[in-house]
Amino acid sequence: MTITSPVFRIGRALLGLLFLVAGIGKITGFAGTVGYMGFLGFPMPELVTIVTIVVEVGGALALITGKFARPAALVVALFTVGATLAAHRFWQADPAAAQAQMTNFLKNLSIIGGLLMVWAVKPENK
């Protein structure tokens, strides 16, 4: 399927914007992000933070500009699967936090769905 609609490009850019803002936040709050990655149980939290920033910012720029958007969408979708399973474990959360974690888990599933749709669409012919 090929889509040339400007609405598709706007939607793709809005998906990218989410990851750009998140990546910039991790850059500006690097020490806190490293601490959070450690809290989540990741080994080498500094390296995990750097990889996360590269995926989020790089993927975002690809989605926003449309350059390499399809492969970026797949990489960011797979990354988001891992991030969702690591950070939004509603099944382990205490009852007070379980609903918020489930909401974030489901939100991320929706984002993954949007990214997979971007990946499924062939680039427009120019």
PDB file of N, CA and C in Angstrom:
ATOM      1  N   MET A   1       0.844  -1.171   0.000  1.00  0.00           N
ATOM      2  CA  MET A   1       0.000   0.000   0.000  1.00  0.00           C
ATOM      3  C   MET A   1       0.896   1.243   0.000  1.00  0.00           C
ATOM      4  N   THR A   2       0.526   2.199  -0.829  1.00  0.00           N
ATOM      5  CA  THR A   2       1.243   3.468  -0.866  1.00  0.00           C
ATOM      6  C   THR A   2       0.261   4.572  -0.500  1.00  0.00           C
ATOM      7  N   ILE A   3       0.679   5.438   0.387  1.00  0.00           N
ATOM      8  CA  ILE A   3      -0.166   6.557   0.804  1.00  0.00           C
ATOM      9  C   ILE A   3       0.582   7.850   0.534  1.00  0.00           C
ATOM     10  N   THR A   4      -0.085   8.780  -0.119  1.00  0.00           N
ATOM     11  CA  THR A   4       0.544  10.071  -0.404  1.00  0.00           C
ATOM     12  C   THR A   4      -0.114  11.204   0.372  1.00  0.00           C
ATOM     13  N   SER A   5      -1.086  10.901   1.178  1.00  0.00           N
ATOM     14  CA  SER A   5      -1.849  11.919   1.886  1.00  0.00           C
ATOM     15  C   SER A   5      -0.980  12.727   2.843  1.00  0.00           C
ATOM     16  N   PRO A   6      -1.159  14.049   2.835  1.00  0.00           N
ATOM     17  CA  PRO A   6      -0.441  14.855   3.831  1.00  0.00           C
ATOM     18  C   PRO A   6      -0.853  14.494   5.258  1.00  0.00           C
ATOM     19  N   VAL A   7      -2.039  13.953   5.433  1.00  0.00           N
ATOM     20  CA  VAL A   7      -2.486  13.549   6.767  1.00  0.00           C
ATOM     21  C   VAL A   7      -1.595  12.418   7.295  1.00  0.00           C
ATOM     22  N   PHE A   8      -1.202  11.498   6.418  1.00  0.00           N
ATOM     23  CA  PHE A   8      -0.293  10.433   6.819  1.00  0.00           C
ATOM     24  C   PHE A   8       1.040  11.017   7.267  1.00  0.00           C
ATOM     25  N   ARG A   9       1.566  11.969   6.515  1.00  0.00           N
ATOM     26  CA  ARG A   9       2.854  12.587   6.873  1.00  0.00           C
ATOM     27  C   ARG A   9       2.745  13.338   8.202  1.00  0.00           C
ATOM     28  N   ILE A  10       1.629  13.995   8.428  1.00  0.00           N
ATOM     29  CA  ILE A  10       1.424  14.694   9.705  1.00  0.00           C
ATOM     30  C   ILE A  10       1.369  13.685  10.852  1.00  0.00           C
ATOM     31  N   GLY A  11       0.622  12.601  10.666  1.00  0.00           N
ATOM     32  CA  GLY A  11       0.541  11.571  11.699  1.00  0.00           C
ATOM     33  C   GLY A  11       1.894  10.955  12.002  1.00  0.00           C
ATOM     34  N   ARG A  12       2.672  10.694  10.954  1.00  0.00           N
ATOM     35  CA  ARG A  12       4.018  10.140  11.127  1.00  0.00           C
ATOM     36  C   ARG A  12       4.889  11.109  11.916  1.00  0.00           C
ATOM     37  N   ALA A  13       4.797  12.386  11.591  1.00  0.00           N
ATOM     38  CA  ALA A  13       5.592  13.396  12.299  1.00  0.00           C
ATOM     39  C   ALA A  13       5.162  13.509  13.764  1.00  0.00           C
ATOM     40  N   LEU A  14       3.867  13.393  14.021  1.00  0.00           N
ATOM     41  CA  LEU A  14       3.401  13.469  15.408  1.00  0.00           C
ATOM     42  C   LEU A  14       3.888  12.277  16.226  1.00  0.00           C
ATOM     43  N   LEU A  15       3.938  11.097  15.613  1.00  0.00           N
ATOM     44  CA  LEU A  15       4.541   9.941  16.297  1.00  0.00           C
ATOM     45  C   LEU A  15       6.007  10.239  16.613  1.00  0.00           C
ATOM     46  N   GLY A  16       6.699  10.818  15.646  1.00  0.00           N
ATOM     47  CA  GLY A  16       8.102  11.159  15.852  1.00  0.00           C
ATOM     48  C   GLY A  16       8.294  12.190  16.949  1.00  0.00           C
ATOM     49  N   LEU A  17       7.395  13.161  17.007  1.00  0.00           N
ATOM     50  CA  LEU A  17       7.523  14.224  18.003  1.00  0.00           C
ATOM     51  C   LEU A  17       7.536  13.662  19.419  1.00  0.00           C
ATOM     52  N   LEU A  18       6.721  12.658  19.675  1.00  0.00           N
ATOM     53  CA  LEU A  18       6.697  12.029  21.001  1.00  0.00           C
ATOM     54  C   LEU A  18       8.084  11.528  21.392  1.00  0.00           C
ATOM     55  N   PHE A  19       8.757  10.856  20.463  1.00  0.00           N
ATOM     56  CA  PHE A  19      10.072  10.292  20.764  1.00  0.00           C
ATOM     57  C   PHE A  19      11.158  11.362  20.791  1.00  0.00           C
ATOM     58  N   LEU A  20      11.004  12.423  20.002  1.00  0.00           N
ATOM     59  CA  LEU A  20      11.979  13.515  20.042  1.00  0.00           C
ATOM     60  C   LEU A  20      11.949  14.202  21.405  1.00  0.00           C
ATOM     61  N   VAL A  21      10.775  14.521  21.885  1.00  0.00           N
ATOM     62  CA  VAL A  21      10.648  15.173  23.197  1.00  0.00           C
ATOM     63  C   VAL A  21      11.176  14.247  24.302  1.00  0.00           C
ATOM     64  N   ALA A  22      10.843  12.965  24.221  1.00  0.00           N
ATOM     65  CA  ALA A  22      11.327  12.017  25.231  1.00  0.00           C
ATOM     66  C   ALA A  22      12.847  11.910  25.199  1.00  0.00           C
ATOM     67  N   GLY A  23      13.423  11.848  24.011  1.00  0.00           N
ATOM     68  CA  GLY A  23      14.881  11.745  23.890  1.00  0.00           C
ATOM     69  C   GLY A  23      15.593  12.976  24.399  1.00  0.00           C
ATOM     70  N   ILE A  24      15.065  14.148  24.068  1.00  0.00           N
ATOM     71  CA  ILE A  24      15.666  15.398  24.555  1.00  0.00           C
ATOM     72  C   ILE A  24      15.570  15.462  26.080  1.00  0.00           C
ATOM     73  N   GLY A  25      14.447  15.015  26.620  1.00  0.00           N
ATOM     74  CA  GLY A  25      14.311  14.972  28.077  1.00  0.00           C
ATOM     75  C   GLY A  25      15.341  14.068  28.731  1.00  0.00           C
ATOM     76  N   LYS A  26      15.674  12.980  28.070  1.00  0.00           N
ATOM     77  CA  LYS A  26      16.693  12.077  28.616  1.00  0.00           C
ATOM     78  C   LYS A  26      18.088  12.691  28.514  1.00  0.00           C
ATOM     79  N   ILE A  27      18.317  13.486  27.487  1.00  0.00           N
ATOM     80  CA  ILE A  27      19.609  14.177  27.352  1.00  0.00           C
ATOM     81  C   ILE A  27      19.752  15.211  28.457  1.00  0.00           C
ATOM     82  N   THR A  28      18.727  16.026  28.641  1.00  0.00           N
ATOM     83  CA  THR A  28      18.815  17.099  29.633  1.00  0.00           C
ATOM     84  C   THR A  28      18.764  16.573  31.067  1.00  0.00           C
ATOM     85  N   GLY A  29      18.179  15.408  31.248  1.00  0.00           N
ATOM     86  CA  GLY A  29      18.130  14.797  32.578  1.00  0.00           C
ATOM     87  C   GLY A  29      18.905  13.494  32.602  1.00  0.00           C
ATOM     88  N   PHE A  30      20.091  13.520  31.992  1.00  0.00           N
ATOM     89  CA  PHE A  30      20.867  12.291  31.788  1.00  0.00           C
ATOM     90  C   PHE A  30      21.094  11.527  33.097  1.00  0.00           C
ATOM     91  N   ALA A  31      21.553  12.205  34.129  1.00  0.00           N
ATOM     92  CA  ALA A  31      21.866  11.515  35.392  1.00  0.00           C
ATOM     93  C   ALA A  31      20.623  10.860  35.986  1.00  0.00           C
ATOM     94  N   GLY A  32      19.515  11.565  35.947  1.00  0.00           N
ATOM     95  CA  GLY A  32      18.275  10.992  36.460  1.00  0.00           C
ATOM     96  C   GLY A  32      17.807   9.800  35.638  1.00  0.00           C
ATOM     97  N   THR A  33      17.992   9.887  34.316  1.00  0.00           N
ATOM     98  CA  THR A  33      17.602   8.780  33.450  1.00  0.00           C
ATOM     99  C   THR A  33      18.475   7.556  33.715  1.00  0.00           C
ATOM    100  N   VAL A  34      19.772   7.782  33.898  1.00  0.00           N
ATOM    101  CA  VAL A  34      20.673   6.670  34.228  1.00  0.00           C
ATOM    102  C   VAL A  34      20.217   6.017  35.536  1.00  0.00           C
ATOM    103  N   GLY A  35      19.875   6.823  36.518  1.00  0.00           N
ATOM    104  CA  GLY A  35      19.378   6.283  37.786  1.00  0.00           C
ATOM    105  C   GLY A  35      18.102   5.477  37.606  1.00  0.00           C
ATOM    106  N   TYR A  36      17.203   5.963  36.766  1.00  0.00           N
ATOM    107  CA  TYR A  36      15.951   5.257  36.513  1.00  0.00           C
ATOM    108  C   TYR A  36      16.210   3.934  35.800  1.00  0.00           C
ATOM    109  N   MET A  37      17.138   3.946  34.845  1.00  0.00           N
ATOM    110  CA  MET A  37      17.473   2.700  34.136  1.00  0.00           C
ATOM    111  C   MET A  37      18.047   1.678  35.117  1.00  0.00           C
ATOM    112  N   GLY A  38      18.863   2.150  36.058  1.00  0.00           N
ATOM    113  CA  GLY A  38      19.383   1.269  37.092  1.00  0.00           C
ATOM    114  C   GLY A  38      18.270   0.733  37.975  1.00  0.00           C
ATOM    115  N   PHE A  39      17.326   1.605  38.329  1.00  0.00           N
ATOM    116  CA  PHE A  39      16.180   1.204  39.142  1.00  0.00           C
ATOM    117  C   PHE A  39      15.364   0.120  38.449  1.00  0.00           C
ATOM    118  N   LEU A  40      15.248   0.231  37.118  1.00  0.00           N
ATOM    119  CA  LEU A  40      14.502  -0.769  36.351  1.00  0.00           C
ATOM    120  C   LEU A  40      15.244  -2.099  36.248  1.00  0.00           C
ATOM    121  N   GLY A  41      16.520  -2.097  36.631  1.00  0.00           N
ATOM    122  CA  GLY A  41      17.287  -3.337  36.646  1.00  0.00           C
ATOM    123  C   GLY A  41      18.171  -3.561  35.441  1.00  0.00           C
ATOM    124  N   PHE A  42      18.345  -2.533  34.611  1.00  0.00           N
ATOM    125  CA  PHE A  42      19.209  -2.700  33.449  1.00  0.00           C
ATOM    126  C   PHE A  42      20.673  -2.726  33.866  1.00  0.00           C
ATOM    127  N   PRO A  43      21.451  -3.663  33.333  1.00  0.00           N
ATOM    128  CA  PRO A  43      22.894  -3.604  33.551  1.00  0.00           C
ATOM    129  C   PRO A  43      23.455  -2.459  32.714  1.00  0.00           C
ATOM    130  N   MET A  44      24.558  -1.898  33.121  1.00  0.00           N
ATOM    131  CA  MET A  44      25.195  -0.789  32.395  1.00  0.00           C
ATOM    132  C   MET A  44      24.177   0.306  32.049  1.00  0.00           C
ATOM    133  N   PRO A  45      23.559   0.903  33.047  1.00  0.00           N
ATOM    134  CA  PRO A  45      22.492   1.872  32.781  1.00  0.00           C
ATOM    135  C   PRO A  45      22.941   3.079  31.968  1.00  0.00           C
ATOM    136  N   GLU A  46      24.230   3.453  32.053  1.00  0.00           N
ATOM    137  CA  GLU A  46      24.714   4.568  31.235  1.00  0.00           C
ATOM    138  C   GLU A  46      24.636   4.218  29.758  1.00  0.00           C
ATOM    139  N   LEU A  47      25.082   3.013  29.408  1.00  0.00           N
ATOM    140  CA  LEU A  47      25.030   2.570  28.014  1.00  0.00           C
ATOM    141  C   LEU A  47      23.590   2.430  27.543  1.00  0.00           C
ATOM    142  N   VAL A  48      22.742   1.875  28.373  1.00  0.00           N
ATOM    143  CA  VAL A  48      21.324   1.727  28.022  1.00  0.00           C
ATOM    144  C   VAL A  48      20.706   3.099  27.776  1.00  0.00           C
ATOM    145  N   THR A  49      21.068   4.079  28.586  1.00  0.00           N
ATOM    146  CA  THR A  49      20.549   5.429  28.410  1.00  0.00           C
ATOM    147  C   THR A  49      21.014   6.021  27.083  1.00  0.00           C
ATOM    148  N   ILE A  50      22.272   5.835  26.748  1.00  0.00           N
ATOM    149  CA  ILE A  50      22.791   6.369  25.488  1.00  0.00           C
ATOM    150  C   ILE A  50      22.100   5.708  24.301  1.00  0.00           C
ATOM    151  N   VAL A  51      21.950   4.394  24.342  1.00  0.00           N
ATOM    152  CA  VAL A  51      21.264   3.687  23.252  1.00  0.00           C
ATOM    153  C   VAL A  51      19.820   4.169  23.147  1.00  0.00           C
ATOM    154  N   THR A  52      19.171   4.349  24.280  1.00  0.00           N
ATOM    155  CA  THR A  52      17.797   4.843  24.294  1.00  0.00           C
ATOM    156  C   THR A  52      17.706   6.212  23.641  1.00  0.00           C
ATOM    157  N   ILE A  53      18.610   7.099  23.969  1.00  0.00           N
ATOM    158  CA  ILE A  53      18.614   8.444  23.383  1.00  0.00           C
ATOM    159  C   ILE A  53      18.822   8.368  21.873  1.00  0.00           C
ATOM    160  N   VAL A  54      19.767   7.544  21.437  1.00  0.00           N
ATOM    161  CA  VAL A  54      20.032   7.416  19.993  1.00  0.00           C
ATOM    162  C   VAL A  54      18.795   6.893  19.262  1.00  0.00           C
ATOM    163  N   VAL A  55      18.156   5.871  19.820  1.00  0.00           N
ATOM    164  CA  VAL A  55      16.960   5.308  19.178  1.00  0.00           C
ATOM    165  C   VAL A  55      15.835   6.337  19.158  1.00  0.00           C
ATOM    166  N   GLU A  56      15.612   6.996  20.293  1.00  0.00           N
ATOM    167  CA  GLU A  56      14.496   7.945  20.358  1.00  0.00           C
ATOM    168  C   GLU A  56      14.726   9.163  19.468  1.00  0.00           C
ATOM    169  N   VAL A  57      15.873   9.781  19.574  1.00  0.00           N
ATOM    170  CA  VAL A  57      16.121  10.998  18.790  1.00  0.00           C
ATOM    171  C   VAL A  57      16.312  10.656  17.311  1.00  0.00           C
ATOM    172  N   GLY A  58      17.116   9.638  17.031  1.00  0.00           N
ATOM    173  CA  GLY A  58      17.329   9.253  15.638  1.00  0.00           C
ATOM    174  C   GLY A  58      16.055   8.780  14.971  1.00  0.00           C
ATOM    175  N   GLY A  59      15.312   7.929  15.663  1.00  0.00           N
ATOM    176  CA  GLY A  59      14.041   7.452  15.117  1.00  0.00           C
ATOM    177  C   GLY A  59      13.053   8.580  14.923  1.00  0.00           C
ATOM    178  N   ALA A  60      13.020   9.491  15.870  1.00  0.00           N
ATOM    179  CA  ALA A  60      12.115  10.629  15.766  1.00  0.00           C
ATOM    180  C   ALA A  60      12.433  11.482  14.546  1.00  0.00           C
ATOM    181  N   LEU A  61      13.701  11.789  14.352  1.00  0.00           N
ATOM    182  CA  LEU A  61      14.085  12.612  13.205  1.00  0.00           C
ATOM    183  C   LEU A  61      13.752  11.918  11.891  1.00  0.00           C
ATOM    184  N   ALA A  62      13.930  10.596  11.843  1.00  0.00           N
ATOM    185  CA  ALA A  62      13.575   9.847  10.634  1.00  0.00           C
ATOM    186  C   ALA A  62      12.062   9.898  10.395  1.00  0.00           C
ATOM    187  N   LEU A  63      11.285   9.735  11.439  1.00  0.00           N
ATOM    188  CA  LEU A  63       9.830   9.791  11.286  1.00  0.00           C
ATOM    189  C   LEU A  63       9.359  11.185  10.892  1.00  0.00           C
ATOM    190  N   ILE A  64       9.919  12.189  11.509  1.00  0.00           N
ATOM    191  CA  ILE A  64       9.494  13.561  11.239  1.00  0.00           C
ATOM    192  C   ILE A  64       9.836  13.979   9.813  1.00  0.00           C
ATOM    193  N   THR A  65      11.051  13.653   9.371  1.00  0.00           N
ATOM    194  CA  THR A  65      11.490  14.081   8.038  1.00  0.00           C
ATOM    195  C   THR A  65      11.019  13.139   6.936  1.00  0.00           C
ATOM    196  N   GLY A  66      10.716  11.911   7.268  1.00  0.00           N
ATOM    197  CA  GLY A  66      10.332  10.929   6.272  1.00  0.00           C
ATOM    198  C   GLY A  66      11.513  10.184   5.670  1.00  0.00           C
ATOM    199  N   LYS A  67      12.732  10.575   6.010  1.00  0.00           N
ATOM    200  CA  LYS A  67      13.926   9.892   5.524  1.00  0.00           C
ATOM    201  C   LYS A  67      14.145   8.635   6.359  1.00  0.00           C
ATOM    202  N   PHE A  68      14.140   7.496   5.720  1.00  0.00           N
ATOM    203  CA  PHE A  68      14.302   6.206   6.404  1.00  0.00           C
ATOM    204  C   PHE A  68      13.202   5.969   7.441  1.00  0.00           C
ATOM    205  N   ALA A  69      12.019   6.514   7.184  1.00  0.00           N
ATOM    206  CA  ALA A  69      10.926   6.424   8.154  1.00  0.00           C
ATOM    207  C   ALA A  69      10.471   4.986   8.382  1.00  0.00           C
ATOM    208  N   ARG A  70      10.418   4.172   7.327  1.00  0.00           N
ATOM    209  CA  ARG A  70       9.939   2.797   7.504  1.00  0.00           C
ATOM    210  C   ARG A  70      10.872   1.984   8.400  1.00  0.00           C
ATOM    211  N   PRO A  71      12.167   1.906   8.109  1.00  0.00           N
ATOM    212  CA  PRO A  71      13.015   1.132   9.022  1.00  0.00           C
ATOM    213  C   PRO A  71      13.063   1.733  10.421  1.00  0.00           C
ATOM    214  N   ALA A  72      13.037   3.054  10.496  1.00  0.00           N
ATOM    215  CA  ALA A  72      13.044   3.699  11.813  1.00  0.00           C
ATOM    216  C   ALA A  72      11.793   3.330  12.595  1.00  0.00           C
ATOM    217  N   ALA A  73      10.655   3.294  11.918  1.00  0.00           N
ATOM    218  CA  ALA A  73       9.404   2.939  12.597  1.00  0.00           C
ATOM    219  C   ALA A  73       9.482   1.533  13.181  1.00  0.00           C
ATOM    220  N   LEU A  74      10.091   0.609  12.444  1.00  0.00           N
ATOM    221  CA  LEU A  74      10.220  -0.755  12.954  1.00  0.00           C
ATOM    222  C   LEU A  74      11.167  -0.810  14.145  1.00  0.00           C
ATOM    223  N   VAL A  75      12.293  -0.123  14.052  1.00  0.00           N
ATOM    224  CA  VAL A  75      13.256  -0.105  15.165  1.00  0.00           C
ATOM    225  C   VAL A  75      12.617   0.522  16.403  1.00  0.00           C
ATOM    226  N   VAL A  76      11.944   1.644  16.227  1.00  0.00           N
ATOM    227  CA  VAL A  76      11.325   2.327  17.366  1.00  0.00           C
ATOM    228  C   VAL A  76      10.184   1.478  17.939  1.00  0.00           C
ATOM    229  N   ALA A  77       9.450   0.776  17.083  1.00  0.00           N
ATOM    230  CA  ALA A  77       8.383  -0.104  17.581  1.00  0.00           C
ATOM    231  C   ALA A  77       8.968  -1.219  18.446  1.00  0.00           C
ATOM    232  N   LEU A  78      10.030  -1.858  17.973  1.00  0.00           N
ATOM    233  CA  LEU A  78      10.660  -2.929  18.749  1.00  0.00           C
ATOM    234  C   LEU A  78      11.243  -2.385  20.055  1.00  0.00           C
ATOM    235  N   PHE A  79      11.861  -1.224  19.977  1.00  0.00           N
ATOM    236  CA  PHE A  79      12.376  -0.560  21.174  1.00  0.00           C
ATOM    237  C   PHE A  79      11.239  -0.309  22.170  1.00  0.00           C
ATOM    238  N   THR A  80      10.101   0.159  21.658  1.00  0.00           N
ATOM    239  CA  THR A  80       8.967   0.485  22.525  1.00  0.00           C
ATOM    240  C   THR A  80       8.383  -0.765  23.169  1.00  0.00           C
ATOM    241  N   VAL A  81       8.440  -1.900  22.473  1.00  0.00           N
ATOM    242  CA  VAL A  81       8.013  -3.157  23.095  1.00  0.00           C
ATOM    243  C   VAL A  81       8.864  -3.421  24.330  1.00  0.00           C
ATOM    244  N   GLY A  82      10.189  -3.326  24.172  1.00  0.00           N
ATOM    245  CA  GLY A  82      11.083  -3.558  25.299  1.00  0.00           C
ATOM    246  C   GLY A  82      10.882  -2.555  26.425  1.00  0.00           C
ATOM    247  N   ALA A  83      10.756  -1.282  26.057  1.00  0.00           N
ATOM    248  CA  ALA A  83      10.555  -0.242  27.071  1.00  0.00           C
ATOM    249  C   ALA A  83       9.248  -0.453  27.824  1.00  0.00           C
ATOM    250  N   THR A  84       8.224  -0.862  27.113  1.00  0.00           N
ATOM    251  CA  THR A  84       6.917  -1.087  27.735  1.00  0.00           C
ATOM    252  C   THR A  84       6.980  -2.235  28.734  1.00  0.00           C
ATOM    253  N   LEU A  85       7.620  -3.325  28.328  1.00  0.00           N
ATOM    254  CA  LEU A  85       7.729  -4.478  29.227  1.00  0.00           C
ATOM    255  C   LEU A  85       8.624  -4.181  30.429  1.00  0.00           C
ATOM    256  N   ALA A  86       9.610  -3.316  30.252  1.00  0.00           N
ATOM    257  CA  ALA A  86      10.525  -2.995  31.344  1.00  0.00           C
ATOM    258  C   ALA A  86       9.938  -1.976  32.313  1.00  0.00           C
ATOM    259  N   ALA A  87       9.222  -0.999  31.805  1.00  0.00           N
ATOM    260  CA  ALA A  87       8.848   0.141  32.645  1.00  0.00           C
ATOM    261  C   ALA A  87       7.385   0.173  33.078  1.00  0.00           C
ATOM    262  N   HIS A  88       6.529  -0.596  32.450  1.00  0.00           N
ATOM    263  CA  HIS A  88       5.089  -0.495  32.764  1.00  0.00           C
ATOM    264  C   HIS A  88       4.508  -1.855  33.125  1.00  0.00           C
ATOM    265  N   ARG A  89       5.124  -2.486  34.103  1.00  0.00           N
ATOM    266  CA  ARG A  89       4.716  -3.828  34.549  1.00  0.00           C
ATOM    267  C   ARG A  89       3.539  -3.715  35.525  1.00  0.00           C
ATOM    268  N   PHE A  90       2.372  -3.424  34.963  1.00  0.00           N
ATOM    269  CA  PHE A  90       1.187  -3.215  35.795  1.00  0.00           C
ATOM    270  C   PHE A  90       0.847  -4.451  36.618  1.00  0.00           C
ATOM    271  N   TRP A  91       1.208  -5.619  36.130  1.00  0.00           N
ATOM    272  CA  TRP A  91       0.915  -6.864  36.833  1.00  0.00           C
ATOM    273  C   TRP A  91       1.751  -7.022  38.104  1.00  0.00           C
ATOM    274  N   GLN A  92       2.825  -6.216  38.238  1.00  0.00           N
ATOM    275  CA  GLN A  92       3.656  -6.262  39.439  1.00  0.00           C
ATOM    276  C   GLN A  92       3.471  -5.024  40.319  1.00  0.00           C
ATOM    277  N   ALA A  93       2.738  -4.056  39.828  1.00  0.00           N
ATOM    278  CA  ALA A  93       2.612  -2.783  40.544  1.00  0.00           C
ATOM    279  C   ALA A  93       1.700  -2.940  41.755  1.00  0.00           C
ATOM    280  N   ASP A  94       1.939  -2.072  42.744  1.00  0.00           N
ATOM    281  CA  ASP A  94       1.037  -2.067  43.886  1.00  0.00           C
ATOM    282  C   ASP A  94      -0.318  -1.546  43.415  1.00  0.00           C
ATOM    283  N   PRO A  95      -1.379  -1.857  44.128  1.00  0.00           N
ATOM    284  CA  PRO A  95      -2.719  -1.490  43.668  1.00  0.00           C
ATOM    285  C   PRO A  95      -2.895   0.001  43.364  1.00  0.00           C
ATOM    286  N   ALA A  96      -2.218   0.862  44.098  1.00  0.00           N
ATOM    287  CA  ALA A  96      -2.361   2.302  43.863  1.00  0.00           C
ATOM    288  C   ALA A  96      -1.771   2.722  42.522  1.00  0.00           C
ATOM    289  N   ALA A  97      -0.755   2.016  42.037  1.00  0.00           N
ATOM    290  CA  ALA A  97      -0.095   2.378  40.787  1.00  0.00           C
ATOM    291  C   ALA A  97      -0.504   1.504  39.611  1.00  0.00           C
ATOM    292  N   ALA A  98      -1.207   0.422  39.868  1.00  0.00           N
ATOM    293  CA  ALA A  98      -1.511  -0.549  38.813  1.00  0.00           C
ATOM    294  C   ALA A  98      -2.311   0.065  37.666  1.00  0.00           C
ATOM    295  N   GLN A  99      -3.318   0.877  37.973  1.00  0.00           N
ATOM    296  CA  GLN A  99      -4.146   1.459  36.905  1.00  0.00           C
ATOM    297  C   GLN A  99      -3.332   2.399  36.027  1.00  0.00           C
ATOM    298  N   ALA A 100      -2.494   3.232  36.619  1.00  0.00           N
ATOM    299  CA  ALA A 100      -1.662   4.146  35.822  1.00  0.00           C
ATOM    300  C   ALA A 100      -0.675   3.367  34.960  1.00  0.00           C
ATOM    301  N   GLN A 101      -0.101   2.300  35.511  1.00  0.00           N
ATOM    302  CA  GLN A 101       0.834   1.490  34.730  1.00  0.00           C
ATOM    303  C   GLN A 101       0.119   0.768  33.593  1.00  0.00           C
ATOM    304  N   MET A 102      -1.096   0.299  33.840  1.00  0.00           N
ATOM    305  CA  MET A 102      -1.860  -0.348  32.773  1.00  0.00           C
ATOM    306  C   MET A 102      -2.206   0.654  31.676  1.00  0.00           C
ATOM    307  N   THR A 103      -2.571   1.860  32.059  1.00  0.00           N
ATOM    308  CA  THR A 103      -2.875   2.897  31.070  1.00  0.00           C
ATOM    309  C   THR A 103      -1.651   3.195  30.210  1.00  0.00           C
ATOM    310  N   ASN A 104      -0.484   3.330  30.843  1.00  0.00           N
ATOM    311  CA  ASN A 104       0.743   3.575  30.076  1.00  0.00           C
ATOM    312  C   ASN A 104       1.098   2.376  29.202  1.00  0.00           C
ATOM    313  N   PHE A 105       0.889   1.181  29.697  1.00  0.00           N
ATOM    314  CA  PHE A 105       1.143  -0.033  28.917  1.00  0.00           C
ATOM    315  C   PHE A 105       0.274  -0.041  27.666  1.00  0.00           C
ATOM    316  N   LEU A 106      -1.023   0.215  27.834  1.00  0.00           N
ATOM    317  CA  LEU A 106      -1.945   0.216  26.699  1.00  0.00           C
ATOM    318  C   LEU A 106      -1.656   1.373  25.744  1.00  0.00           C
ATOM    319  N   LYS A 107      -1.274   2.527  26.273  1.00  0.00           N
ATOM    320  CA  LYS A 107      -0.904   3.668  25.427  1.00  0.00           C
ATOM    321  C   LYS A 107       0.274   3.286  24.550  1.00  0.00           C
ATOM    322  N   ASN A 108       1.254   2.630  25.140  1.00  0.00           N
ATOM    323  CA  ASN A 108       2.421   2.218  24.371  1.00  0.00           C
ATOM    324  C   ASN A 108       2.057   1.174  23.317  1.00  0.00           C
ATOM    325  N   LEU A 109       1.137   0.275  23.626  1.00  0.00           N
ATOM    326  CA  LEU A 109       0.683  -0.673  22.609  1.00  0.00           C
ATOM    327  C   LEU A 109       0.068   0.064  21.425  1.00  0.00           C
ATOM    328  N   SER A 110      -0.680   1.113  21.697  1.00  0.00           N
ATOM    329  CA  SER A 110      -1.267   1.916  20.621  1.00  0.00           C
ATOM    330  C   SER A 110      -0.186   2.601  19.794  1.00  0.00           C
ATOM    331  N   ILE A 111       0.824   3.116  20.456  1.00  0.00           N
ATOM    332  CA  ILE A 111       1.940   3.752  19.744  1.00  0.00           C
ATOM    333  C   ILE A 111       2.660   2.723  18.879  1.00  0.00           C
ATOM    334  N   ILE A 112       2.883   1.535  19.417  1.00  0.00           N
ATOM    335  CA  ILE A 112       3.501   0.457  18.643  1.00  0.00           C
ATOM    336  C   ILE A 112       2.652   0.166  17.407  1.00  0.00           C
ATOM    337  N   GLY A 113       1.346   0.130  17.572  1.00  0.00           N
ATOM    338  CA  GLY A 113       0.449  -0.091  16.433  1.00  0.00           C
ATOM    339  C   GLY A 113       0.611   0.984  15.373  1.00  0.00           C
ATOM    340  N   GLY A 114       0.686   2.236  15.789  1.00  0.00           N
ATOM    341  CA  GLY A 114       0.894   3.324  14.831  1.00  0.00           C
ATOM    342  C   GLY A 114       2.227   3.205  14.113  1.00  0.00           C
ATOM    343  N   LEU A 115       3.261   2.859  14.848  1.00  0.00           N
ATOM    344  CA  LEU A 115       4.578   2.685  14.235  1.00  0.00           C
ATOM    345  C   LEU A 115       4.577   1.526  13.249  1.00  0.00           C
ATOM    346  N   LEU A 116       3.891   0.443  13.572  1.00  0.00           N
ATOM    347  CA  LEU A 116       3.809  -0.681  12.645  1.00  0.00           C
ATOM    348  C   LEU A 116       3.042  -0.295  11.379  1.00  0.00           C
ATOM    349  N   MET A 117       2.052   0.567  11.502  1.00  0.00           N
ATOM    350  CA  MET A 117       1.343   1.045  10.312  1.00  0.00           C
ATOM    351  C   MET A 117       2.274   1.874   9.434  1.00  0.00           C
ATOM    352  N   VAL A 118       3.100   2.720  10.047  1.00  0.00           N
ATOM    353  CA  VAL A 118       4.079   3.488   9.270  1.00  0.00           C
ATOM    354  C   VAL A 118       5.026   2.531   8.554  1.00  0.00           C
ATOM    355  N   TRP A 119       5.477   1.501   9.257  1.00  0.00           N
ATOM    356  CA  TRP A 119       6.386   0.524   8.656  1.00  0.00           C
ATOM    357  C   TRP A 119       5.724  -0.211   7.487  1.00  0.00           C
ATOM    358  N   ALA A 120       4.424  -0.467   7.576  1.00  0.00           N
ATOM    359  CA  ALA A 120       3.714  -1.244   6.567  1.00  0.00           C
ATOM    360  C   ALA A 120       3.474  -0.469   5.273  1.00  0.00           C
ATOM    361  N   VAL A 121       3.537   0.842   5.325  1.00  0.00           N
ATOM    362  CA  VAL A 121       3.215   1.668   4.161  1.00  0.00           C
ATOM    363  C   VAL A 121       4.473   1.964   3.360  1.00  0.00           C
ATOM    364  N   LYS A 122       4.415   1.681   2.062  1.00  0.00           N
ATOM    365  CA  LYS A 122       5.556   1.961   1.188  1.00  0.00           C
ATOM    366  C   LYS A 122       5.665   3.468   0.980  1.00  0.00           C
ATOM    367  N   PRO A 123       6.909   3.948   0.786  1.00  0.00           N
ATOM    368  CA  PRO A 123       7.068   5.380   0.547  1.00  0.00           C
ATOM    369  C   PRO A 123       6.385   5.793  -0.750  1.00  0.00           C
ATOM    370  N   GLU A 124       5.919   7.023  -0.758  1.00  0.00           N
ATOM    371  CA  GLU A 124       5.262   7.539  -1.953  1.00  0.00           C
ATOM    372  C   GLU A 124       6.263   7.692  -3.084  1.00  0.00           C
ATOM    373  N   ASN A 125       5.775   7.544  -4.293  1.00  0.00           N
ATOM    374  CA  ASN A 125       6.639   7.737  -5.468  1.00  0.00           C
ATOM    375  C   ASN A 125       6.829   9.222  -5.719  1.00  0.00           C
ATOM    376  N   LYS A 126       8.068   9.608  -5.971  1.00  0.00           N
ATOM    377  CA  LYS A 126       8.332  11.031  -6.199  1.00  0.00           C
ATOM    378  C   LYS A 126       8.830  11.237  -7.594  1.00  0.00           C
TER     379      LYS A 126
END
